Amino acid sequence: MLLRSVLALATAAPMLFVAFPSEDAYARTLTSIKAGERCSYPTAPKGVFVGSFLGYEESRFNFTDAVRQFHTQRCFATHKACDNWLYTMQSKYDAGVSQARCRYKG
């Protein structure tokens, strides 16, 4: 009897922990690395999301394994567009640890 109860609970337990995605969850998509408008946080207009990315890429020359630092900022109307752009940048400039964030300028 106890064994049946334990087995019933063990088979039902995975169903108790099902997580549903929130309304804010969405799949990231690759966009252009030139998406948005060129800007910097201090001079950006109010009401935009400023994406800032610092990453690294390998040298384009065959005879060296040098790594080049790359930094850029872009302005976006929505947080989703900014987040997709950062995802694209992290995918393209993947040599080393990158720093990326979207900040709202209100």
Protein backbone atom coordinates (compact mmCIF):
# COMPACT_ATOMS: atom_id res chain seq x y z
CA MET A 1 0.00 0.00 0.00
CA LEU A 2 2.78 2.42 0.93
CA LEU A 3 4.72 1.43 -2.17
CA ARG A 4 1.73 2.26 -4.39
CA SER A 5 1.38 5.68 -2.75
CA VAL A 6 5.06 6.45 -3.24
CA LEU A 7 4.93 5.34 -6.88
CA ALA A 8 1.81 7.40 -7.52
CA LEU A 9 3.45 10.46 -5.98
CA ALA A 10 6.67 9.90 -7.92
CA THR A 11 4.82 9.75 -11.23
CA ALA A 12 2.70 12.79 -10.40
CA ALA A 13 5.58 14.87 -9.03
CA PRO A 14 7.01 15.90 -12.42
CA MET A 15 3.62 17.34 -13.32
CA LEU A 16 3.67 19.55 -10.21
CA PHE A 17 6.78 21.38 -11.36
CA VAL A 18 5.81 22.25 -14.92
CA ALA A 19 6.89 25.79 -15.67
CA PHE A 20 5.00 27.82 -18.23
CA PRO A 21 6.74 30.69 -20.01
CA SER A 22 5.73 34.14 -18.89
CA GLU A 23 4.05 36.60 -21.22
CA ASP A 24 7.33 38.51 -21.48
CA ALA A 25 9.26 35.45 -22.69
CA TYR A 26 10.10 35.44 -26.38
CA ALA A 27 12.57 33.83 -28.69
CA ARG A 28 15.55 35.96 -29.62
CA THR A 29 16.15 36.44 -33.31
CA LEU A 30 19.20 37.47 -35.26
CA THR A 31 19.00 40.95 -36.74
CA SER A 32 21.44 43.17 -38.58
CA ILE A 33 24.49 44.39 -36.69
CA LYS A 34 23.52 47.83 -38.02
CA ALA A 35 19.98 47.73 -36.60
CA GLY A 36 18.78 50.76 -34.68
CA GLU A 37 20.32 54.22 -34.79
CA ARG A 38 23.90 55.10 -33.90
CA CYS A 39 23.96 56.95 -30.61
CA SER A 40 25.64 57.20 -27.24
CA TYR A 41 23.91 57.18 -23.87
CA PRO A 42 24.73 60.78 -22.89
CA THR A 43 23.39 62.24 -26.15
CA ALA A 44 20.49 59.80 -26.72
CA PRO A 45 16.99 61.27 -26.63
CA LYS A 46 14.66 60.38 -23.77
CA GLY A 47 12.37 57.39 -24.15
CA VAL A 48 14.75 55.08 -26.03
CA PHE A 49 16.66 51.94 -25.13
CA VAL A 50 20.41 52.29 -25.58
CA GLY A 51 22.23 49.06 -26.37
CA SER A 52 25.90 48.99 -25.48
CA PHE A 53 28.15 46.19 -26.66
CA LEU A 54 31.85 45.49 -26.02
CA GLY A 55 33.20 42.34 -27.64
CA TYR A 56 36.18 40.79 -29.35
CA GLU A 57 36.84 39.24 -32.73
CA GLU A 58 39.76 37.32 -34.17
CA SER A 59 42.02 39.07 -36.63
CA ARG A 60 41.07 38.69 -40.28
CA PHE A 61 44.65 37.97 -41.24
CA ASN A 62 45.82 34.37 -41.52
CA PHE A 63 49.32 34.83 -40.10
CA THR A 64 48.30 36.05 -36.65
CA ASP A 65 45.95 34.96 -33.89
CA ALA A 66 45.45 38.47 -32.57
CA VAL A 67 42.14 39.54 -31.06
CA ARG A 68 40.59 42.94 -31.76
CA GLN A 69 38.32 44.79 -29.35
CA PHE A 70 35.02 46.10 -30.72
CA HIS A 71 32.67 48.60 -29.02
CA THR A 72 29.44 50.16 -30.27
CA GLN A 73 26.19 51.68 -29.04
CA ARG A 74 22.79 51.81 -30.75
CA CYS A 75 19.37 53.29 -29.86
CA PHE A 76 16.11 51.34 -30.15
CA ALA A 77 12.42 52.10 -29.65
CA THR A 78 11.71 48.81 -27.83
CA HIS A 79 13.57 46.62 -25.36
CA LYS A 80 12.90 43.58 -27.54
CA ALA A 81 14.66 45.16 -30.55
CA CYS A 82 17.62 46.11 -28.35
CA ASP A 83 17.82 42.61 -26.85
CA ASN A 84 17.72 40.99 -30.32
CA TRP A 85 20.52 43.28 -31.51
CA LEU A 86 22.66 42.34 -28.50
CA TYR A 87 22.02 38.65 -29.22
CA THR A 88 23.22 39.20 -32.78
CA MET A 89 26.33 41.04 -31.62
CA GLN A 90 27.20 38.30 -29.12
CA SER A 91 26.80 35.73 -31.89
CA LYS A 92 29.04 37.60 -34.33
CA TYR A 93 31.75 38.81 -31.94
CA ASP A 94 32.25 35.66 -29.90
CA ALA A 95 36.03 35.62 -29.36
CA GLY A 96 36.31 36.15 -25.62
CA VAL A 97 33.96 37.48 -22.97
CA SER A 98 31.62 40.21 -24.11
CA GLN A 99 29.77 42.87 -22.15
CA ALA A 100 26.30 43.79 -23.36
CA ARG A 101 23.32 45.60 -21.90
CA CYS A 102 20.24 47.61 -22.78
CA ARG A 103 19.48 50.67 -20.69
CA TYR A 104 16.33 52.76 -20.84
CA LYS A 105 16.91 56.49 -20.98
CA GLY A 106 13.89 58.08 -19.36
